[in-house]
């Protein structure tokens, strides 16, 4: 009896620790989140209205998205992100792309991007129709 009680207690503790990390369990092996999260990029932005800017893009978890988030230092906003879907509408593999992703902000900005090693390419559109394109290189220092 005592041996089965100890076994049950150990089993419950293991189940508890397994369920404490749902975000880690959700990350798919080999998707773009693995290539982006905890990294910062220095980006040269060009806008369709003729303006340009330099910004720091940083990817993290724990924000508005159930997947991962983008923080841009010149906007002070949290963009919810997900890796692109692979497959078809009949058989989708959500959040599966190893390199391409989409992000959206709470102030009408949509961004699509791709990561390749230490480089990031960004295309985006602001709610007023202004379009942005950016080329980025990985930074050794965090944005914030």
C-alpha atoms as a PDB file:
ATOM      1  CA  UNK A   1       0.000   0.000   0.000  1.00  0.00           C
ATOM      2  CA  UNK A   2       2.744   2.448   0.964  1.00  0.00           C
ATOM      3  CA  UNK A   3       4.660   1.709  -2.252  1.00  0.00           C
ATOM      4  CA  UNK A   4       1.617   2.457  -4.438  1.00  0.00           C
ATOM      5  CA  UNK A   5       0.982   5.732  -2.539  1.00  0.00           C
ATOM      6  CA  UNK A   6       4.567   6.881  -3.158  1.00  0.00           C
ATOM      7  CA  UNK A   7       4.304   5.896  -6.836  1.00  0.00           C
ATOM      8  CA  UNK A   8       1.055   7.856  -7.174  1.00  0.00           C
ATOM      9  CA  UNK A   9       2.610  10.920  -5.500  1.00  0.00           C
ATOM     10  CA  UNK A  10       5.647  10.803  -7.826  1.00  0.00           C
ATOM     11  CA  UNK A  11       3.368  10.406 -10.830  1.00  0.00           C
ATOM     12  CA  UNK A  12       1.301  13.455  -9.795  1.00  0.00           C
ATOM     13  CA  UNK A  13       4.418  15.607  -9.295  1.00  0.00           C
ATOM     14  CA  UNK A  14       5.720  14.613 -12.746  1.00  0.00           C
ATOM     15  CA  UNK A  15       2.371  15.487 -14.318  1.00  0.00           C
ATOM     16  CA  UNK A  16       2.373  18.849 -12.543  1.00  0.00           C
ATOM     17  CA  UNK A  17       5.832  19.789 -13.826  1.00  0.00           C
ATOM     18  CA  UNK A  18       4.951  18.613 -17.327  1.00  0.00           C
ATOM     19  CA  UNK A  19       1.922  20.918 -17.394  1.00  0.00           C
ATOM     20  CA  UNK A  20       3.739  23.967 -15.994  1.00  0.00           C
ATOM     21  CA  UNK A  21       5.407  24.756 -19.310  1.00  0.00           C
ATOM     22  CA  UNK A  22       2.682  24.931 -21.985  1.00  0.00           C
ATOM     23  CA  UNK A  23       4.505  27.611 -24.009  1.00  0.00           C
ATOM     24  CA  UNK A  24       7.567  25.423 -24.336  1.00  0.00           C
ATOM     25  CA  UNK A  25       5.469  22.435 -25.340  1.00  0.00           C
ATOM     26  CA  UNK A  26       3.638  24.537 -27.959  1.00  0.00           C
ATOM     27  CA  UNK A  27       6.783  25.570 -29.862  1.00  0.00           C
ATOM     28  CA  UNK A  28       7.150  23.381 -32.907  1.00  0.00           C
ATOM     29  CA  UNK A  29      10.580  22.013 -33.633  1.00  0.00           C
ATOM     30  CA  UNK A  30      12.161  23.733 -36.609  1.00  0.00           C
ATOM     31  CA  UNK A  31       9.651  26.543 -37.060  1.00  0.00           C
ATOM     32  CA  UNK A  32      10.600  30.208 -37.442  1.00  0.00           C
ATOM     33  CA  UNK A  33       9.999  30.876 -33.743  1.00  0.00           C
ATOM     34  CA  UNK A  34      13.155  28.908 -32.934  1.00  0.00           C
ATOM     35  CA  UNK A  35      15.109  31.143 -35.327  1.00  0.00           C
ATOM     36  CA  UNK A  36      13.706  34.432 -33.965  1.00  0.00           C
ATOM     37  CA  UNK A  37      12.843  34.322 -30.253  1.00  0.00           C
ATOM     38  CA  UNK A  38      15.396  35.937 -27.896  1.00  0.00           C
ATOM     39  CA  UNK A  39      17.104  37.655 -30.842  1.00  0.00           C
ATOM     40  CA  UNK A  40      17.389  41.337 -31.732  1.00  0.00           C
ATOM     41  CA  UNK A  41      17.927  42.849 -35.185  1.00  0.00           C
ATOM     42  CA  UNK A  42      19.041  46.295 -36.345  1.00  0.00           C
ATOM     43  CA  UNK A  43      16.799  47.268 -39.254  1.00  0.00           C
ATOM     44  CA  UNK A  44      17.027  49.922 -41.953  1.00  0.00           C
ATOM     45  CA  UNK A  45      13.431  50.878 -42.848  1.00  0.00           C
ATOM     46  CA  UNK A  46      12.247  52.662 -45.988  1.00  0.00           C
ATOM     47  CA  UNK A  47       8.661  53.932 -46.326  1.00  0.00           C
ATOM     48  CA  UNK A  48       6.549  54.565 -49.420  1.00  0.00           C
ATOM     49  CA  UNK A  49       6.032  58.186 -48.313  1.00  0.00           C
ATOM     50  CA  UNK A  50       9.778  58.762 -48.837  1.00  0.00           C
ATOM     51  CA  UNK A  51      10.836  58.653 -45.185  1.00  0.00           C
ATOM     52  CA  UNK A  52      13.335  56.239 -43.648  1.00  0.00           C
ATOM     53  CA  UNK A  53      14.324  55.124 -40.164  1.00  0.00           C
ATOM     54  CA  UNK A  54      16.566  52.743 -38.261  1.00  0.00           C
ATOM     55  CA  UNK A  55      14.873  50.543 -35.686  1.00  0.00           C
ATOM     56  CA  UNK A  56      15.637  47.649 -33.379  1.00  0.00           C
ATOM     57  CA  UNK A  57      13.346  44.604 -33.718  1.00  0.00           C
ATOM     58  CA  UNK A  58      13.279  42.113 -30.852  1.00  0.00           C
ATOM     59  CA  UNK A  59      11.388  38.807 -30.693  1.00  0.00           C
ATOM     60  CA  UNK A  60      10.142  37.331 -27.406  1.00  0.00           C
ATOM     61  CA  UNK A  61       7.410  35.119 -25.980  1.00  0.00           C
ATOM     62  CA  UNK A  62       4.826  35.917 -23.342  1.00  0.00           C
ATOM     63  CA  UNK A  63       3.139  38.886 -24.997  1.00  0.00           C
ATOM     64  CA  UNK A  64      -0.157  39.190 -26.868  1.00  0.00           C
ATOM     65  CA  UNK A  65       0.398  36.203 -29.176  1.00  0.00           C
ATOM     66  CA  UNK A  66       0.086  32.599 -28.122  1.00  0.00           C
ATOM     67  CA  UNK A  67       3.131  31.995 -30.357  1.00  0.00           C
ATOM     68  CA  UNK A  68       5.697  34.825 -30.140  1.00  0.00           C
ATOM     69  CA  UNK A  69       5.867  38.608 -30.246  1.00  0.00           C
ATOM     70  CA  UNK A  70       7.768  41.362 -31.994  1.00  0.00           C
ATOM     71  CA  UNK A  71       8.756  44.548 -30.176  1.00  0.00           C
ATOM     72  CA  UNK A  72      10.022  47.477 -32.267  1.00  0.00           C
ATOM     73  CA  UNK A  73      11.839  50.211 -30.370  1.00  0.00           C
ATOM     74  CA  UNK A  74      10.472  53.124 -32.434  1.00  0.00           C
ATOM     75  CA  UNK A  75       6.814  52.084 -32.011  1.00  0.00           C
ATOM     76  CA  UNK A  76       6.652  50.904 -28.375  1.00  0.00           C
ATOM     77  CA  UNK A  77       4.073  48.320 -29.433  1.00  0.00           C
ATOM     78  CA  UNK A  78       3.678  44.583 -29.047  1.00  0.00           C
ATOM     79  CA  UNK A  79       3.039  42.790 -32.338  1.00  0.00           C
ATOM     80  CA  UNK A  80       1.474  39.329 -32.121  1.00  0.00           C
ATOM     81  CA  UNK A  81       3.255  36.912 -34.460  1.00  0.00           C
ATOM     82  CA  UNK A  82       3.048  33.403 -35.888  1.00  0.00           C
ATOM     83  CA  UNK A  83       5.098  31.439 -38.379  1.00  0.00           C
ATOM     84  CA  UNK A  84       3.408  31.006 -41.748  1.00  0.00           C
ATOM     85  CA  UNK A  85       1.153  28.038 -42.335  1.00  0.00           C
ATOM     86  CA  UNK A  86       2.260  25.183 -44.570  1.00  0.00           C
ATOM     87  CA  UNK A  87      -0.002  22.829 -46.463  1.00  0.00           C
ATOM     88  CA  UNK A  88      -3.449  23.601 -47.790  1.00  0.00           C
ATOM     89  CA  UNK A  89      -6.799  24.670 -46.384  1.00  0.00           C
ATOM     90  CA  UNK A  90      -7.800  21.004 -46.365  1.00  0.00           C
ATOM     91  CA  UNK A  91      -4.700  19.954 -44.450  1.00  0.00           C
ATOM     92  CA  UNK A  92      -3.053  22.992 -42.834  1.00  0.00           C
ATOM     93  CA  UNK A  93       0.075  22.820 -40.709  1.00  0.00           C
ATOM     94  CA  UNK A  94      -0.245  26.017 -38.679  1.00  0.00           C
ATOM     95  CA  UNK A  95       2.787  27.904 -37.343  1.00  0.00           C
ATOM     96  CA  UNK A  96       5.045  25.569 -39.325  1.00  0.00           C
ATOM     97  CA  UNK A  97       7.305  27.612 -41.625  1.00  0.00           C
ATOM     98  CA  UNK A  98      10.981  27.526 -40.730  1.00  0.00           C
ATOM     99  CA  UNK A  99      11.635  31.003 -42.121  1.00  0.00           C
ATOM    100  CA  UNK A 100       8.556  33.133 -42.880  1.00  0.00           C
ATOM    101  CA  UNK A 101       6.183  34.791 -40.432  1.00  0.00           C
ATOM    102  CA  UNK A 102       3.372  37.335 -40.024  1.00  0.00           C
ATOM    103  CA  UNK A 103       2.856  39.899 -37.248  1.00  0.00           C
ATOM    104  CA  UNK A 104       0.069  42.378 -36.514  1.00  0.00           C
ATOM    105  CA  UNK A 105      -0.090  45.258 -34.054  1.00  0.00           C
ATOM    106  CA  UNK A 106      -3.010  46.684 -32.138  1.00  0.00           C
ATOM    107  CA  UNK A 107      -2.687  49.928 -34.132  1.00  0.00           C
ATOM    108  CA  UNK A 108      -3.276  48.671 -37.707  1.00  0.00           C
ATOM    109  CA  UNK A 109       0.198  47.621 -38.778  1.00  0.00           C
ATOM    110  CA  UNK A 110       0.725  44.266 -40.494  1.00  0.00           C
ATOM    111  CA  UNK A 111       4.195  42.855 -41.097  1.00  0.00           C
ATOM    112  CA  UNK A 112       5.366  39.851 -43.059  1.00  0.00           C
ATOM    113  CA  UNK A 113       8.940  38.747 -42.842  1.00  0.00           C
ATOM    114  CA  UNK A 114      11.491  36.045 -43.346  1.00  0.00           C
ATOM    115  CA  UNK A 115      14.589  35.056 -41.438  1.00  0.00           C
ATOM    116  CA  UNK A 116      17.692  33.450 -42.887  1.00  0.00           C
ATOM    117  CA  UNK A 117      20.592  32.864 -40.506  1.00  0.00           C
ATOM    118  CA  UNK A 118      21.422  36.315 -39.077  1.00  0.00           C
ATOM    119  CA  UNK A 119      19.386  38.347 -41.603  1.00  0.00           C
ATOM    120  CA  UNK A 120      15.764  39.445 -41.529  1.00  0.00           C
ATOM    121  CA  UNK A 121      13.647  40.836 -44.382  1.00  0.00           C
ATOM    122  CA  UNK A 122      10.467  42.769 -43.560  1.00  0.00           C
ATOM    123  CA  UNK A 123       7.523  44.079 -45.599  1.00  0.00           C
ATOM    124  CA  UNK A 124       4.665  45.867 -43.905  1.00  0.00           C
ATOM    125  CA  UNK A 125       1.702  48.142 -44.295  1.00  0.00           C
ATOM    126  CA  UNK A 126       0.281  50.767 -41.983  1.00  0.00           C
ATOM    127  CA  UNK A 127      -3.476  51.382 -41.738  1.00  0.00           C
ATOM    128  CA  UNK A 128      -3.148  54.625 -43.745  1.00  0.00           C
ATOM    129  CA  UNK A 129      -1.611  52.728 -46.681  1.00  0.00           C
ATOM    130  CA  UNK A 130       2.016  53.697 -46.045  1.00  0.00           C
ATOM    131  CA  UNK A 131       4.199  50.696 -46.912  1.00  0.00           C
ATOM    132  CA  UNK A 132       7.505  49.786 -45.263  1.00  0.00           C
ATOM    133  CA  UNK A 133      10.348  47.547 -46.353  1.00  0.00           C
ATOM    134  CA  UNK A 134      13.276  46.774 -44.083  1.00  0.00           C
ATOM    135  CA  UNK A 135      16.518  44.841 -44.197  1.00  0.00           C
ATOM    136  CA  UNK A 136      17.941  43.751 -40.868  1.00  0.00           C
ATOM    137  CA  UNK A 137      21.027  42.127 -39.376  1.00  0.00           C
ATOM    138  CA  UNK A 138      21.198  40.333 -36.046  1.00  0.00           C
ATOM    139  CA  UNK A 139      22.448  42.495 -33.201  1.00  0.00           C
ATOM    140  CA  UNK A 140      24.576  41.329 -30.295  1.00  0.00           C
ATOM    141  CA  UNK A 141      22.766  43.662 -27.909  1.00  0.00           C
ATOM    142  CA  UNK A 142      19.085  43.617 -26.936  1.00  0.00           C
ATOM    143  CA  UNK A 143      16.782  46.464 -27.999  1.00  0.00           C
ATOM    144  CA  UNK A 144      15.421  47.133 -24.527  1.00  0.00           C
END
